[in-house]
Each structure stands twice: as C-alpha cells, then as structure tokens.
Amino acid sequence: MAITHLNPPALHTNPAFSQGVRIQGGSLVVVGGQNGTNTAGEVVSDDLGEQTAQAFRNVLTVIAEVGLDQRDVAKLSIFTAPGADATAG
C-alpha cells in the first residue's frame, strides 16, 4: 500500500510533518491538524473565528490537492486551546 504525502504549495511547509497523506488502494486521505496559519506559517489573527475559518480553508486546500472537496469529508474534529472564548466574534 503506497502512501503519498500531501504538502500543497499554498500551505506552509515543515520538514517534520506533512499536511496530509493519501493512502492508495483504499483512497483514504488523512489531513493533519490544521491551525489558523497562512502560507508563511503565521497565525492569521488573534480572533478565534478568523483562525477557525483559516483552519477550514487549510483543510480544503489539502483535500483539493487530490481532487476532493468538502462533500468528501467524512469526519472533522475541532480542538480549541484552554480558555479560548468560542462565543466571541
């Protein structure tokens, strides 16, 4: 079973991890934990809503790399930092 590492040019790169992987044979794509960061790896804002929107855009960027879109997402988990105000914004 071949694994293809996904690192779209629109996202920052890090030699320690891939943004996602595609597992051939089963056509499964696993996206790594995404943050509210831009192409340079910088947090886009102090606002939780803006960071969340950017994290979603990053997920969509990874899956678009292999021709998928939001209709192909089967599971999504969201984690916030302790003390983050999810009601603000």
Protein backbone atom coordinates (compact mmCIF):
# COMPACT_ATOMS: atom_id res chain seq x y z
CA MET A 1 0.00 0.00 0.00
CA ALA A 2 1.54 3.31 -1.12
CA ILE A 3 1.33 6.48 0.95
CA THR A 4 1.55 9.86 -0.77
CA HIS A 5 2.49 12.82 1.42
CA LEU A 6 0.44 15.95 0.67
CA ASN A 7 2.07 19.36 1.04
CA PRO A 8 0.17 21.85 -1.15
CA PRO A 9 2.23 24.88 -2.18
CA ALA A 10 -0.49 27.18 -0.75
CA LEU A 11 0.31 25.97 2.80
CA HIS A 12 3.47 26.38 4.84
CA THR A 13 5.91 23.50 4.78
CA ASN A 14 7.76 21.88 7.64
CA PRO A 15 10.24 19.04 7.27
CA ALA A 16 8.89 17.47 10.47
CA PHE A 17 5.39 16.69 9.12
CA SER A 18 3.10 16.58 6.09
CA GLN A 19 -0.17 18.49 5.83
CA GLY A 20 -1.89 15.23 4.92
CA VAL A 21 -1.41 11.79 3.43
CA ARG A 22 -3.27 9.80 0.81
CA ILE A 23 -3.37 6.05 1.25
CA GLN A 24 -3.56 4.37 -2.15
CA GLY A 25 -5.74 1.33 -2.62
CA GLY A 26 -8.36 2.50 -0.16
CA SER A 27 -8.44 6.08 -1.46
CA LEU A 28 -8.32 7.41 2.09
CA VAL A 29 -6.99 10.91 2.75
CA VAL A 30 -5.98 11.89 6.28
CA VAL A 31 -5.40 15.60 6.90
CA GLY A 32 -3.00 16.65 9.64
CA GLY A 33 -4.12 19.00 12.38
CA GLN A 34 -4.63 22.40 10.79
CA ASN A 35 -4.17 25.74 12.52
CA GLY A 36 -5.27 29.23 11.61
CA THR A 37 -1.98 29.88 9.82
CA ASN A 38 -1.14 31.37 6.45
CA THR A 39 1.35 30.21 3.81
CA ALA A 40 4.26 31.53 5.89
CA GLY A 41 3.07 29.58 8.96
CA GLU A 42 1.98 32.74 10.77
CA VAL A 43 -1.22 32.84 12.83
CA VAL A 44 -3.64 34.98 10.80
CA SER A 45 -5.28 36.79 13.73
CA ASP A 46 -5.87 36.78 17.48
CA ASP A 47 -9.57 36.26 16.70
CA LEU A 48 -10.77 32.66 17.22
CA GLY A 49 -13.34 32.97 14.41
CA GLU A 50 -10.74 34.11 11.87
CA GLN A 51 -8.33 31.37 12.95
CA THR A 52 -11.09 28.77 12.62
CA ALA A 53 -12.04 29.98 9.14
CA GLN A 54 -8.38 29.80 8.07
CA ALA A 55 -8.03 26.29 9.50
CA PHE A 56 -11.06 25.18 7.45
CA ARG A 57 -9.56 26.78 4.32
CA ASN A 58 -6.34 24.89 5.01
CA VAL A 59 -8.23 21.58 5.24
CA LEU A 60 -9.93 22.31 1.92
CA THR A 61 -6.57 23.18 0.36
CA VAL A 62 -5.11 19.82 1.37
CA ILE A 63 -8.00 17.75 0.04
CA ALA A 64 -8.17 19.82 -3.17
CA GLU A 65 -4.61 18.64 -3.85
CA VAL A 66 -6.09 15.21 -4.69
CA GLY A 67 -9.28 16.43 -6.38
CA LEU A 68 -11.62 16.34 -3.38
CA ASP A 69 -13.85 18.98 -1.76
CA GLN A 70 -15.96 19.44 1.40
CA ARG A 71 -18.55 16.94 0.15
CA ASP A 72 -15.91 14.23 0.52
CA VAL A 73 -15.21 14.90 4.22
CA ALA A 74 -16.45 12.07 6.43
CA LYS A 75 -15.20 13.28 9.83
CA LEU A 76 -13.93 16.56 11.25
CA SER A 77 -12.69 17.14 14.80
CA ILE A 78 -12.22 20.61 16.27
CA PHE A 79 -10.00 21.36 19.24
CA THR A 80 -9.53 24.76 20.87
CA ALA A 81 -6.96 25.98 23.34
CA PRO A 82 -7.97 26.03 27.01
CA GLY A 83 -9.57 29.37 27.86
CA ALA A 84 -10.49 30.21 24.26
CA ASP A 85 -13.84 32.02 24.11
CA ALA A 86 -15.84 30.12 21.49
CA THR A 87 -18.78 32.54 21.91
CA ALA A 88 -16.81 35.65 20.94
CA GLY A 89 -16.80 37.06 17.45
